[in-house]
Amino acid sequence: EVVSVFSRKPIFGYRFIAMSSIAIAVIGFLVWGHHMFVSGQSQLASLVFSFLTLLVAIPSAIKTFNWLATMYRGAIVLRTPMVYVLTFFAIFAVGGLTGLFLGALATDVPLHDTYFVVAHFHFVMVGAVMMAFLAGLHYWWPKITGRMYHERLGVVSSILVFVGINVTFVPQFLAGVAGMPRRYATYAPAFQLDNRISTVGAFVLGLGPLAALWRLLGG
């Protein structure tokens, strides 16, 4: 909806977007075994779950391509909802591509239960989902309440969220590749810099939604 409105074009390939959404929902029920690659399950089960996990990338890519095709040669208007959509594309791409490493058996085994998993999960389920939610919220808020938000502050908050997500979770990717396990209260001194940068990013990330909420409520 937001991509179409702020590109001044009808959505490209609506039927394929709808079918891809259904495909993601169906396949998503069948990928739970990728959490168990190191649990001792059979090699056949791991192979099947790996295939299904990587298969999710196809409908996800179709939806992303259709959104980008909608924007192609469109009269794009960079209002707050559209800025959130553009940042969503970047976050969703990183989250999706890093998921391929966790879906493939050869790379999931050394990365399993490390901070790489934490960063990937949060790029998708916090970063991408929150960006899409805030895009829709800013688009519908004036229609719901009859009150317009401050446009410049809206763009600033979207940039804060985008920067905060990257500063928070990119160091976690690096720490995970280096071998830092998740769910540990303490960690080796070698991971101190990554964790400090991530902490700073978390504060920046917190400011973004708070600024959006304050602005929408008429602050």
N, C-alpha and C. Protein backbone atom coordinates (compact mmCIF):
# COMPACT_ATOMS: atom_id res chain seq x y z
N GLU A 1 0.83 -1.20 0.00
CA GLU A 1 0.00 0.00 0.00
C GLU A 1 0.87 1.26 0.00
N VAL A 2 1.83 1.32 0.92
CA VAL A 2 2.69 2.50 1.03
C VAL A 2 3.57 2.64 -0.21
N VAL A 3 4.14 1.54 -0.68
CA VAL A 3 4.99 1.58 -1.87
C VAL A 3 4.20 2.10 -3.06
N SER A 4 2.99 1.60 -3.24
CA SER A 4 2.17 2.01 -4.37
C SER A 4 1.78 3.48 -4.30
N VAL A 5 1.35 3.93 -3.12
CA VAL A 5 0.89 5.31 -2.96
C VAL A 5 2.02 6.31 -3.18
N PHE A 6 3.18 6.05 -2.56
CA PHE A 6 4.27 7.01 -2.62
C PHE A 6 5.17 6.83 -3.84
N SER A 7 4.85 5.85 -4.68
CA SER A 7 5.50 5.73 -5.99
C SER A 7 4.58 6.21 -7.11
N ARG A 8 3.33 6.51 -6.75
CA ARG A 8 2.33 6.98 -7.70
C ARG A 8 2.13 5.97 -8.83
N LYS A 9 2.14 4.68 -8.46
CA LYS A 9 1.94 3.62 -9.44
C LYS A 9 1.15 2.48 -8.79
N PRO A 10 0.37 1.77 -9.60
CA PRO A 10 -0.29 0.57 -9.05
C PRO A 10 0.76 -0.47 -8.70
N ILE A 11 0.47 -1.30 -7.72
CA ILE A 11 1.43 -2.31 -7.29
C ILE A 11 1.74 -3.26 -8.44
N PHE A 12 2.99 -3.61 -8.59
CA PHE A 12 3.41 -4.50 -9.67
C PHE A 12 3.24 -5.96 -9.22
N GLY A 13 2.50 -6.73 -10.00
CA GLY A 13 2.38 -8.16 -9.73
C GLY A 13 1.68 -8.46 -8.42
N TYR A 14 0.51 -7.85 -8.22
CA TYR A 14 -0.21 -8.05 -6.95
C TYR A 14 -0.48 -9.52 -6.68
N ARG A 15 -0.88 -10.26 -7.70
CA ARG A 15 -1.22 -11.67 -7.51
C ARG A 15 -0.01 -12.46 -7.03
N PHE A 16 1.17 -12.14 -7.58
CA PHE A 16 2.38 -12.85 -7.17
C PHE A 16 2.76 -12.49 -5.73
N ILE A 17 2.52 -11.24 -5.34
CA ILE A 17 2.79 -10.85 -3.95
C ILE A 17 1.87 -11.63 -3.01
N ALA A 18 0.60 -11.74 -3.37
CA ALA A 18 -0.35 -12.47 -2.53
C ALA A 18 0.02 -13.95 -2.45
N MET A 19 0.36 -14.54 -3.59
CA MET A 19 0.74 -15.95 -3.60
C MET A 19 2.03 -16.19 -2.82
N SER A 20 2.96 -15.25 -2.91
CA SER A 20 4.22 -15.38 -2.17
C SER A 20 3.98 -15.29 -0.67
N SER A 21 3.05 -14.44 -0.27
CA SER A 21 2.72 -14.33 1.16
C SER A 21 2.18 -15.65 1.68
N ILE A 22 1.31 -16.28 0.89
CA ILE A 22 0.76 -17.58 1.30
C ILE A 22 1.87 -18.63 1.34
N ALA A 23 2.76 -18.60 0.33
CA ALA A 23 3.86 -19.57 0.28
C ALA A 23 4.78 -19.43 1.50
N ILE A 24 5.07 -18.20 1.90
CA ILE A 24 5.91 -17.99 3.08
C ILE A 24 5.23 -18.55 4.32
N ALA A 25 3.92 -18.31 4.43
CA ALA A 25 3.18 -18.81 5.60
C ALA A 25 3.19 -20.33 5.65
N VAL A 26 2.99 -20.98 4.50
CA VAL A 26 2.94 -22.44 4.46
C VAL A 26 4.32 -23.04 4.73
N ILE A 27 5.33 -22.55 4.01
CA ILE A 27 6.69 -23.09 4.19
C ILE A 27 7.20 -22.80 5.59
N GLY A 28 6.79 -21.63 6.14
CA GLY A 28 7.24 -21.26 7.48
C GLY A 28 6.84 -22.26 8.56
N PHE A 29 5.77 -23.01 8.32
CA PHE A 29 5.36 -24.05 9.28
C PHE A 29 6.28 -25.26 9.23
N LEU A 30 7.13 -25.36 8.20
CA LEU A 30 7.87 -26.59 7.95
C LEU A 30 9.37 -26.44 8.12
N VAL A 31 9.82 -25.35 8.71
CA VAL A 31 11.26 -25.10 8.77
C VAL A 31 11.83 -25.21 10.19
N TRP A 32 10.99 -25.64 11.15
CA TRP A 32 11.43 -25.60 12.55
C TRP A 32 12.67 -26.45 12.80
N GLY A 33 12.91 -27.46 11.96
CA GLY A 33 14.06 -28.33 12.18
C GLY A 33 15.40 -27.67 11.97
N HIS A 34 15.41 -26.45 11.41
CA HIS A 34 16.72 -25.79 11.24
C HIS A 34 17.29 -25.32 12.57
N HIS A 35 16.48 -25.38 13.63
CA HIS A 35 16.99 -25.09 14.97
C HIS A 35 17.67 -26.31 15.59
N MET A 36 17.62 -27.43 14.91
CA MET A 36 18.06 -28.69 15.51
C MET A 36 19.15 -29.38 14.71
N PHE A 37 19.88 -28.62 13.89
CA PHE A 37 20.92 -29.22 13.07
C PHE A 37 22.02 -29.89 13.91
N VAL A 38 22.26 -29.40 15.12
CA VAL A 38 23.31 -29.97 15.95
C VAL A 38 22.74 -30.81 17.09
N SER A 39 21.47 -31.18 16.97
CA SER A 39 20.80 -31.92 18.06
C SER A 39 20.94 -33.43 17.93
N GLY A 40 21.48 -33.90 16.81
CA GLY A 40 21.59 -35.33 16.60
C GLY A 40 20.48 -35.90 15.73
N GLN A 41 19.65 -35.03 15.14
CA GLN A 41 18.62 -35.54 14.23
C GLN A 41 19.28 -36.15 13.00
N SER A 42 18.55 -36.93 12.26
CA SER A 42 19.12 -37.66 11.13
C SER A 42 19.61 -36.70 10.05
N GLN A 43 20.57 -37.17 9.27
CA GLN A 43 21.10 -36.35 8.19
C GLN A 43 20.02 -36.04 7.15
N LEU A 44 19.12 -37.00 6.92
CA LEU A 44 18.04 -36.78 5.96
C LEU A 44 17.12 -35.66 6.45
N ALA A 45 16.76 -35.69 7.73
CA ALA A 45 15.90 -34.64 8.28
C ALA A 45 16.58 -33.27 8.18
N SER A 46 17.87 -33.23 8.50
CA SER A 46 18.60 -31.96 8.40
C SER A 46 18.63 -31.46 6.96
N LEU A 47 18.81 -32.37 6.02
CA LEU A 47 18.85 -31.99 4.61
C LEU A 47 17.50 -31.43 4.15
N VAL A 48 16.42 -32.09 4.57
CA VAL A 48 15.08 -31.64 4.19
C VAL A 48 14.78 -30.26 4.79
N PHE A 49 15.09 -30.10 6.07
CA PHE A 49 14.82 -28.81 6.72
C PHE A 49 15.70 -27.70 6.15
N SER A 50 16.92 -28.05 5.77
CA SER A 50 17.80 -27.06 5.14
C SER A 50 17.21 -26.61 3.80
N PHE A 51 16.73 -27.56 3.01
CA PHE A 51 16.12 -27.24 1.72
C PHE A 51 14.90 -26.34 1.90
N LEU A 52 14.02 -26.69 2.85
CA LEU A 52 12.81 -25.91 3.07
C LEU A 52 13.14 -24.50 3.57
N THR A 53 14.16 -24.40 4.41
CA THR A 53 14.57 -23.10 4.92
C THR A 53 15.06 -22.20 3.80
N LEU A 54 15.90 -22.75 2.93
CA LEU A 54 16.40 -21.96 1.81
C LEU A 54 15.30 -21.66 0.80
N LEU A 55 14.29 -22.53 0.75
CA LEU A 55 13.17 -22.33 -0.18
C LEU A 55 12.37 -21.07 0.15
N VAL A 56 12.34 -20.68 1.42
CA VAL A 56 11.61 -19.48 1.82
C VAL A 56 12.17 -18.24 1.12
N ALA A 57 13.44 -18.29 0.74
CA ALA A 57 14.05 -17.12 0.10
C ALA A 57 13.39 -16.78 -1.23
N ILE A 58 12.82 -17.78 -1.91
CA ILE A 58 12.25 -17.53 -3.23
C ILE A 58 11.01 -16.63 -3.16
N PRO A 59 9.96 -16.99 -2.40
CA PRO A 59 8.82 -16.06 -2.33
C PRO A 59 9.18 -14.72 -1.68
N SER A 60 10.13 -14.72 -0.75
CA SER A 60 10.56 -13.45 -0.15
C SER A 60 11.20 -12.55 -1.20
N ALA A 61 12.01 -13.15 -2.07
CA ALA A 61 12.65 -12.38 -3.14
C ALA A 61 11.64 -11.89 -4.16
N ILE A 62 10.61 -12.71 -4.43
CA ILE A 62 9.57 -12.30 -5.38
C ILE A 62 8.85 -11.05 -4.87
N LYS A 63 8.49 -11.06 -3.60
CA LYS A 63 7.80 -9.90 -3.03
C LYS A 63 8.69 -8.65 -3.09
N THR A 64 9.95 -8.81 -2.73
CA THR A 64 10.87 -7.66 -2.75
C THR A 64 11.05 -7.14 -4.17
N PHE A 65 11.19 -8.05 -5.13
CA PHE A 65 11.33 -7.63 -6.53
C PHE A 65 10.10 -6.86 -6.98
N ASN A 66 8.92 -7.32 -6.62
CA ASN A 66 7.69 -6.65 -7.05
C ASN A 66 7.56 -5.26 -6.43
N TRP A 67 7.98 -5.14 -5.17
CA TRP A 67 7.95 -3.82 -4.55
C TRP A 67 8.92 -2.87 -5.26
N LEU A 68 10.12 -3.37 -5.56
CA LEU A 68 11.10 -2.52 -6.26
C LEU A 68 10.64 -2.21 -7.68
N ALA A 69 9.99 -3.17 -8.33
CA ALA A 69 9.47 -2.93 -9.68
C ALA A 69 8.36 -1.89 -9.66
N THR A 70 7.59 -1.86 -8.58
CA THR A 70 6.56 -0.83 -8.44
C THR A 70 7.20 0.56 -8.38
N MET A 71 8.33 0.65 -7.70
CA MET A 71 9.02 1.93 -7.57
C MET A 71 9.72 2.36 -8.85
N TYR A 72 10.04 1.39 -9.70
CA TYR A 72 10.81 1.69 -10.91
C TYR A 72 10.05 2.67 -11.81
N ARG A 73 10.70 3.78 -12.11
CA ARG A 73 10.12 4.85 -12.95
C ARG A 73 8.86 5.45 -12.35
N GLY A 74 8.71 5.31 -11.05
CA GLY A 74 7.59 5.93 -10.38
C GLY A 74 7.94 7.34 -9.92
N ALA A 75 6.93 8.12 -9.65
CA ALA A 75 7.13 9.47 -9.12
C ALA A 75 7.23 9.37 -7.60
N ILE A 76 8.39 8.94 -7.12
CA ILE A 76 8.57 8.62 -5.70
C ILE A 76 8.54 9.90 -4.85
N VAL A 77 7.75 9.86 -3.81
CA VAL A 77 7.64 10.97 -2.86
C VAL A 77 8.25 10.50 -1.54
N LEU A 78 9.31 11.16 -1.11
CA LEU A 78 10.04 10.73 0.08
C LEU A 78 9.43 11.33 1.35
N ARG A 79 8.22 10.93 1.64
CA ARG A 79 7.61 11.26 2.92
C ARG A 79 8.01 10.20 3.95
N THR A 80 7.67 10.47 5.19
CA THR A 80 8.09 9.58 6.28
C THR A 80 7.74 8.11 6.04
N PRO A 81 6.51 7.77 5.65
CA PRO A 81 6.22 6.34 5.42
C PRO A 81 7.12 5.72 4.37
N MET A 82 7.42 6.46 3.31
CA MET A 82 8.26 5.91 2.25
C MET A 82 9.71 5.78 2.69
N VAL A 83 10.18 6.70 3.53
CA VAL A 83 11.53 6.59 4.07
C VAL A 83 11.65 5.32 4.91
N TYR A 84 10.62 5.06 5.69
CA TYR A 84 10.61 3.82 6.47
C TYR A 84 10.62 2.59 5.54
N VAL A 85 9.91 2.66 4.43
CA VAL A 85 9.89 1.54 3.49
C VAL A 85 11.28 1.31 2.89
N LEU A 86 11.96 2.37 2.51
CA LEU A 86 13.30 2.23 1.93
C LEU A 86 14.28 1.63 2.93
N THR A 87 14.20 2.07 4.18
CA THR A 87 15.08 1.49 5.19
C THR A 87 14.68 0.04 5.47
N PHE A 88 13.37 -0.25 5.35
CA PHE A 88 12.92 -1.64 5.49
C PHE A 88 13.59 -2.53 4.45
N PHE A 89 13.68 -2.08 3.21
CA PHE A 89 14.31 -2.89 2.16
C PHE A 89 15.75 -3.26 2.55
N ALA A 90 16.50 -2.27 3.05
CA ALA A 90 17.90 -2.51 3.41
C ALA A 90 18.00 -3.49 4.58
N ILE A 91 17.18 -3.29 5.61
CA ILE A 91 17.22 -4.16 6.78
C ILE A 91 16.76 -5.57 6.43
N PHE A 92 15.69 -5.66 5.66
CA PHE A 92 15.14 -6.96 5.27
C PHE A 92 16.13 -7.74 4.41
N ALA A 93 16.86 -7.03 3.55
CA ALA A 93 17.84 -7.70 2.70
C ALA A 93 18.97 -8.31 3.53
N VAL A 94 19.48 -7.55 4.50
CA VAL A 94 20.54 -8.08 5.36
C VAL A 94 20.02 -9.25 6.19
N GLY A 95 18.83 -9.09 6.75
CA GLY A 95 18.26 -10.17 7.54
C GLY A 95 18.03 -11.42 6.73
N GLY A 96 17.54 -11.26 5.50
CA GLY A 96 17.29 -12.41 4.65
C GLY A 96 18.56 -13.10 4.19
N LEU A 97 19.54 -12.32 3.77
CA LEU A 97 20.78 -12.91 3.27
C LEU A 97 21.56 -13.62 4.37
N THR A 98 21.56 -13.06 5.58
CA THR A 98 22.25 -13.74 6.67
C THR A 98 21.51 -15.01 7.08
N GLY A 99 20.21 -15.06 6.79
CA GLY A 99 19.47 -16.29 7.06
C GLY A 99 19.92 -17.45 6.21
N LEU A 100 20.47 -17.17 5.03
CA LEU A 100 20.96 -18.24 4.17
C LEU A 100 22.12 -18.98 4.83
N PHE A 101 22.95 -18.27 5.58
CA PHE A 101 24.07 -18.91 6.27
C PHE A 101 23.58 -19.86 7.37
N LEU A 102 22.45 -19.51 7.96
CA LEU A 102 21.90 -20.36 9.03
C LEU A 102 21.04 -21.48 8.48
N GLY A 103 20.59 -21.36 7.24
CA GLY A 103 19.82 -22.43 6.63
C GLY A 103 20.69 -23.50 6.00
N ALA A 104 21.92 -23.14 5.66
CA ALA A 104 22.85 -24.09 5.05
C ALA A 104 23.58 -24.86 6.15
N LEU A 105 23.64 -26.17 6.00
CA LEU A 105 24.22 -27.02 7.04
C LEU A 105 25.69 -26.68 7.31
N ALA A 106 26.45 -26.43 6.26
CA ALA A 106 27.89 -26.24 6.41
C ALA A 106 28.23 -25.02 7.25
N THR A 107 27.41 -23.97 7.14
CA THR A 107 27.71 -22.75 7.89
C THR A 107 26.90 -22.63 9.18
N ASP A 108 25.77 -23.33 9.25
CA ASP A 108 24.97 -23.23 10.47
C ASP A 108 25.66 -23.89 11.65
N VAL A 109 26.35 -24.98 11.42
CA VAL A 109 26.97 -25.72 12.53
C VAL A 109 27.96 -24.84 13.32
N PRO A 110 28.91 -24.16 12.67
CA PRO A 110 29.81 -23.30 13.46
C PRO A 110 29.12 -22.04 13.99
N LEU A 111 28.04 -21.59 13.33
CA LEU A 111 27.36 -20.37 13.77
C LEU A 111 26.23 -20.64 14.75
N HIS A 112 25.90 -21.91 14.94
CA HIS A 112 24.76 -22.25 15.79
C HIS A 112 24.95 -21.76 17.22
N ASP A 113 23.90 -21.15 17.76
CA ASP A 113 23.90 -20.68 19.15
C ASP A 113 24.95 -19.61 19.42
N THR A 114 25.31 -18.86 18.39
CA THR A 114 26.21 -17.73 18.58
C THR A 114 25.41 -16.42 18.41
N TYR A 115 26.10 -15.31 18.61
CA TYR A 115 25.44 -14.02 18.47
C TYR A 115 25.07 -13.72 17.02
N PHE A 116 25.60 -14.47 16.08
CA PHE A 116 25.18 -14.33 14.68
C PHE A 116 23.68 -14.62 14.55
N VAL A 117 23.21 -15.63 15.28
CA VAL A 117 21.79 -15.99 15.26
C VAL A 117 20.96 -14.86 15.87
N VAL A 118 21.43 -14.30 16.96
CA VAL A 118 20.73 -13.19 17.61
C VAL A 118 20.59 -12.01 16.65
N ALA A 119 21.69 -11.67 15.98
CA ALA A 119 21.67 -10.52 15.06
C ALA A 119 20.73 -10.78 13.88
N HIS A 120 20.80 -11.99 13.30
CA HIS A 120 19.93 -12.31 12.17
C HIS A 120 18.46 -12.22 12.58
N PHE A 121 18.12 -12.84 13.69
CA PHE A 121 16.73 -12.85 14.15
C PHE A 121 16.21 -11.43 14.36
N HIS A 122 17.02 -10.58 14.98
CA HIS A 122 16.56 -9.24 15.28
C HIS A 122 16.54 -8.34 14.06
N PHE A 123 17.40 -8.60 13.08
CA PHE A 123 17.31 -7.84 11.84
C PHE A 123 15.97 -8.08 11.16
N VAL A 124 15.50 -9.32 11.21
CA VAL A 124 14.23 -9.66 10.55
C VAL A 124 13.04 -9.32 11.42
N MET A 125 13.01 -9.82 12.66
CA MET A 125 11.81 -9.75 13.49
C MET A 125 11.71 -8.46 14.29
N VAL A 126 12.79 -7.72 14.43
CA VAL A 126 12.71 -6.41 15.06
C VAL A 126 12.91 -5.33 14.01
N GLY A 127 14.03 -5.39 13.30
CA GLY A 127 14.34 -4.35 12.32
C GLY A 127 13.32 -4.25 11.20
N ALA A 128 13.18 -5.31 10.41
CA ALA A 128 12.30 -5.26 9.25
C ALA A 128 10.84 -5.11 9.66
N VAL A 129 10.40 -5.87 10.65
CA VAL A 129 9.00 -5.80 11.08
C VAL A 129 8.68 -4.42 11.65
N MET A 130 9.58 -3.87 12.47
CA MET A 130 9.32 -2.57 13.06
C MET A 130 9.30 -1.47 12.00
N MET A 131 10.22 -1.56 11.02
CA MET A 131 10.23 -0.57 9.94
C MET A 131 8.92 -0.61 9.16
N ALA A 132 8.46 -1.81 8.81
CA ALA A 132 7.21 -1.94 8.07
C ALA A 132 6.02 -1.45 8.90
N PHE A 133 6.04 -1.78 10.20
CA PHE A 133 4.95 -1.34 11.08
C PHE A 133 4.91 0.18 11.18
N LEU A 134 6.08 0.80 11.37
CA LEU A 134 6.12 2.26 11.50
C LEU A 134 5.75 2.94 10.18
N ALA A 135 6.09 2.32 9.06
CA ALA A 135 5.68 2.87 7.76
C ALA A 135 4.16 2.89 7.65
N GLY A 136 3.54 1.75 7.98
CA GLY A 136 2.09 1.69 7.93
C GLY A 136 1.43 2.60 8.94
N LEU A 137 2.02 2.68 10.14
CA LEU A 137 1.46 3.52 11.19
C LEU A 137 1.46 4.99 10.77
N HIS A 138 2.57 5.47 10.22
CA HIS A 138 2.63 6.87 9.79
C HIS A 138 1.72 7.13 8.59
N TYR A 139 1.52 6.12 7.77
CA TYR A 139 0.64 6.30 6.62
C TYR A 139 -0.82 6.42 7.05
N TRP A 140 -1.23 5.58 8.00
CA TRP A 140 -2.63 5.54 8.39
C TRP A 140 -2.97 6.49 9.54
N TRP A 141 -1.98 6.95 10.29
CA TRP A 141 -2.25 7.78 11.46
C TRP A 141 -3.07 9.03 11.14
N PRO A 142 -2.71 9.82 10.13
CA PRO A 142 -3.54 11.00 9.82
C PRO A 142 -4.95 10.62 9.41
N LYS A 143 -5.11 9.48 8.74
CA LYS A 143 -6.45 9.05 8.33
C LYS A 143 -7.28 8.60 9.53
N ILE A 144 -6.61 8.00 10.51
CA ILE A 144 -7.31 7.49 11.69
C ILE A 144 -7.67 8.61 12.65
N THR A 145 -6.72 9.50 12.90
CA THR A 145 -6.89 10.52 13.94
C THR A 145 -7.30 11.89 13.41
N GLY A 146 -7.06 12.14 12.11
CA GLY A 146 -7.33 13.47 11.56
C GLY A 146 -6.26 14.48 11.91
N ARG A 147 -5.15 14.03 12.45
CA ARG A 147 -4.04 14.91 12.84
C ARG A 147 -2.78 14.51 12.08
N MET A 148 -2.09 15.48 11.52
CA MET A 148 -0.86 15.22 10.78
C MET A 148 0.34 15.35 11.71
N TYR A 149 1.29 14.46 11.54
CA TYR A 149 2.52 14.51 12.33
C TYR A 149 3.51 15.49 11.70
N HIS A 150 4.58 15.80 12.41
CA HIS A 150 5.63 16.69 11.91
C HIS A 150 6.51 15.90 10.95
N GLU A 151 6.52 16.31 9.71
CA GLU A 151 7.19 15.53 8.66
C GLU A 151 8.69 15.43 8.88
N ARG A 152 9.35 16.53 9.18
CA ARG A 152 10.81 16.50 9.34
C ARG A 152 11.22 15.62 10.52
N LEU A 153 10.50 15.72 11.61
CA LEU A 153 10.80 14.87 12.76
C LEU A 153 10.53 13.40 12.44
N GLY A 154 9.56 13.16 11.58
CA GLY A 154 9.29 11.79 11.16
C GLY A 154 10.46 11.18 10.42
N VAL A 155 11.06 11.95 9.52
CA VAL A 155 12.23 11.45 8.79
C VAL A 155 13.40 11.24 9.74
N VAL A 156 13.59 12.17 10.68
CA VAL A 156 14.68 12.04 11.65
C VAL A 156 14.52 10.77 12.48
N SER A 157 13.30 10.49 12.93
CA SER A 157 13.09 9.29 13.74
C SER A 157 13.34 8.03 12.93
N SER A 158 12.98 8.04 11.64
CA SER A 158 13.23 6.86 10.80
C SER A 158 14.72 6.63 10.62
N ILE A 159 15.48 7.70 10.50
CA ILE A 159 16.94 7.56 10.38
C ILE A 159 17.53 7.06 11.69
N LEU A 160 17.01 7.54 12.82
CA LEU A 160 17.48 7.06 14.12
C LEU A 160 17.26 5.56 14.27
N VAL A 161 16.08 5.09 13.87
CA VAL A 161 15.78 3.67 13.96
C VAL A 161 16.73 2.87 13.07
N PHE A 162 16.94 3.35 11.85
CA PHE A 162 17.80 2.64 10.90
C PHE A 162 19.23 2.56 11.41
N VAL A 163 19.77 3.69 11.85
CA VAL A 163 21.13 3.71 12.37
C VAL A 163 21.24 2.85 13.63
N GLY A 164 20.24 2.96 14.50
CA GLY A 164 20.27 2.18 15.74
C GLY A 164 20.28 0.69 15.50
N ILE A 165 19.48 0.23 14.55
CA ILE A 165 19.44 -1.20 14.24
C ILE A 165 20.80 -1.68 13.76
N ASN A 166 21.41 -0.95 12.86
CA ASN A 166 22.70 -1.37 12.31
C ASN A 166 23.81 -1.32 13.35
N VAL A 167 23.85 -0.25 14.14
CA VAL A 167 24.91 -0.13 15.15
C VAL A 167 24.72 -1.18 16.25
N THR A 168 23.48 -1.55 16.51
CA THR A 168 23.22 -2.55 17.55
C THR A 168 23.60 -3.95 17.10
N PHE A 169 23.18 -4.33 15.90
CA PHE A 169 23.24 -5.74 15.53
C PHE A 169 24.39 -6.13 14.59
N VAL A 170 24.95 -5.19 13.84
CA VAL A 170 26.10 -5.55 13.00
C VAL A 170 27.28 -6.01 13.85
N PRO A 171 27.61 -5.33 14.98
CA PRO A 171 28.68 -5.87 15.84
C PRO A 171 28.37 -7.27 16.37
N GLN A 172 27.09 -7.58 16.53
CA GLN A 172 26.73 -8.92 16.99
C GLN A 172 27.00 -9.96 15.90
N PHE A 173 26.81 -9.60 14.64
CA PHE A 173 27.21 -10.49 13.55
C PHE A 173 28.70 -10.80 13.66
N LEU A 174 29.49 -9.76 13.85
CA LEU A 174 30.95 -9.93 13.91
C LEU A 174 31.36 -10.77 15.12
N ALA A 175 30.72 -10.49 16.26
CA ALA A 175 31.03 -11.26 17.46
C ALA A 175 30.63 -12.72 17.28
N GLY A 176 29.51 -12.96 16.63
CA GLY A 176 29.07 -14.34 16.40
C GLY A 176 30.00 -15.10 15.49
N VAL A 177 30.45 -14.47 14.43
CA VAL A 177 31.41 -15.12 13.53
C VAL A 177 32.71 -15.44 14.27
N ALA A 178 33.07 -14.56 15.21
CA ALA A 178 34.29 -14.78 16.00
C ALA A 178 34.10 -15.84 17.08
N GLY A 179 32.85 -16.28 17.28
CA GLY A 179 32.62 -17.38 18.21
C GLY A 179 31.95 -17.04 19.52
N MET A 180 31.42 -15.82 19.67
CA MET A 180 30.78 -15.47 20.93
C MET A 180 29.44 -16.18 21.05
N PRO A 181 29.24 -16.99 22.08
CA PRO A 181 27.96 -17.69 22.25
C PRO A 181 26.89 -16.74 22.78
N ARG A 182 25.65 -17.05 22.48
CA ARG A 182 24.54 -16.26 23.02
C ARG A 182 24.11 -16.84 24.37
N ARG A 183 23.29 -16.06 25.09
CA ARG A 183 22.72 -16.47 26.37
C ARG A 183 23.77 -16.65 27.46
N TYR A 184 24.89 -15.95 27.33
CA TYR A 184 25.90 -15.97 28.39
C TYR A 184 25.93 -14.60 29.08
N ALA A 185 25.98 -14.61 30.39
CA ALA A 185 25.99 -13.35 31.13
C ALA A 185 27.33 -12.64 31.02
N THR A 186 28.41 -13.39 30.83
CA THR A 186 29.74 -12.80 30.70
C THR A 186 30.36 -13.27 29.40
N TYR A 187 31.41 -12.59 28.98
CA TYR A 187 32.05 -12.94 27.71
C TYR A 187 33.53 -12.60 27.79
N ALA A 188 34.27 -13.15 26.85
CA ALA A 188 35.71 -12.94 26.81
C ALA A 188 36.04 -11.49 26.52
N PRO A 189 37.17 -10.97 27.03
CA PRO A 189 37.54 -9.57 26.78
C PRO A 189 37.65 -9.23 25.30
N ALA A 190 37.91 -10.22 24.46
CA ALA A 190 38.05 -9.97 23.02
C ALA A 190 36.75 -9.44 22.41
N PHE A 191 35.61 -9.71 23.06
CA PHE A 191 34.32 -9.28 22.53
C PHE A 191 33.83 -7.97 23.14
N GLN A 192 34.65 -7.34 23.94
CA GLN A 192 34.20 -6.16 24.68
C GLN A 192 33.84 -5.00 23.75
N LEU A 193 34.65 -4.75 22.75
CA LEU A 193 34.38 -3.62 21.85
C LEU A 193 33.07 -3.81 21.10
N ASP A 194 32.86 -5.01 20.58
CA ASP A 194 31.61 -5.28 19.86
C ASP A 194 30.40 -5.06 20.76
N ASN A 195 30.49 -5.50 22.00
CA ASN A 195 29.37 -5.35 22.92
C ASN A 195 29.15 -3.89 23.32
N ARG A 196 30.21 -3.14 23.46
CA ARG A 196 30.05 -1.72 23.79
C ARG A 196 29.39 -0.96 22.64
N ILE A 197 29.84 -1.22 21.43
CA ILE A 197 29.22 -0.57 20.27
C ILE A 197 27.75 -0.96 20.16
N SER A 198 27.46 -2.23 20.40
CA SER A 198 26.08 -2.70 20.35
C SER A 198 25.22 -2.01 21.40
N THR A 199 25.77 -1.78 22.57
CA THR A 199 25.03 -1.10 23.63
C THR A 199 24.69 0.33 23.24
N VAL A 200 25.66 1.03 22.66
CA VAL A 200 25.41 2.40 22.18
C VAL A 200 24.31 2.38 21.12
N GLY A 201 24.38 1.42 20.20
CA GLY A 201 23.35 1.31 19.18
C GLY A 201 21.97 1.06 19.75
N ALA A 202 21.90 0.29 20.84
CA ALA A 202 20.60 0.00 21.47
C ALA A 202 19.96 1.27 22.02
N PHE A 203 20.76 2.18 22.58
CA PHE A 203 20.21 3.44 23.06
C PHE A 203 19.71 4.30 21.90
N VAL A 204 20.48 4.31 20.81
CA VAL A 204 20.04 5.06 19.62
C VAL A 204 18.75 4.46 19.08
N LEU A 205 18.71 3.13 19.02
CA LEU A 205 17.52 2.44 18.54
C LEU A 205 16.30 2.74 19.41
N GLY A 206 16.51 2.87 20.71
CA GLY A 206 15.41 3.20 21.59
C GLY A 206 14.86 4.60 21.37
N LEU A 207 15.74 5.53 20.98
CA LEU A 207 15.30 6.91 20.77
C LEU A 207 14.36 7.03 19.57
N GLY A 208 14.58 6.21 18.54
CA GLY A 208 13.78 6.32 17.32
C GLY A 208 12.29 6.10 17.56
N PRO A 209 11.88 4.94 18.06
CA PRO A 209 10.45 4.72 18.32
C PRO A 209 9.87 5.68 19.36
N LEU A 210 10.68 6.05 20.37
CA LEU A 210 10.18 7.01 21.36
C LEU A 210 9.90 8.36 20.72
N ALA A 211 10.80 8.78 19.82
CA ALA A 211 10.57 10.05 19.11
C ALA A 211 9.33 9.95 18.22
N ALA A 212 9.15 8.79 17.56
CA ALA A 212 7.97 8.61 16.72
C ALA A 212 6.70 8.66 17.56
N LEU A 213 6.71 7.98 18.72
CA LEU A 213 5.53 7.96 19.58
C LEU A 213 5.21 9.36 20.12
N TRP A 214 6.23 10.06 20.56
CA TRP A 214 6.04 11.43 21.09
C TRP A 214 5.47 12.33 20.03
N ARG A 215 5.94 12.18 18.80
CA ARG A 215 5.48 13.03 17.70
C ARG A 215 4.04 12.71 17.31
N LEU A 216 3.73 11.40 17.21
CA LEU A 216 2.38 11.00 16.81
C LEU A 216 1.33 11.40 17.83
N LEU A 217 1.73 11.40 19.10
CA LEU A 217 0.78 11.76 20.15
C LEU A 217 0.66 13.27 20.36
N GLY A 218 1.37 14.02 19.49
CA GLY A 218 1.18 15.46 19.52
C GLY A 218 2.19 16.20 20.35
N GLY A 219 3.38 15.56 20.60
CA GLY A 219 4.40 16.23 21.39
C GLY A 219 5.05 17.38 20.66
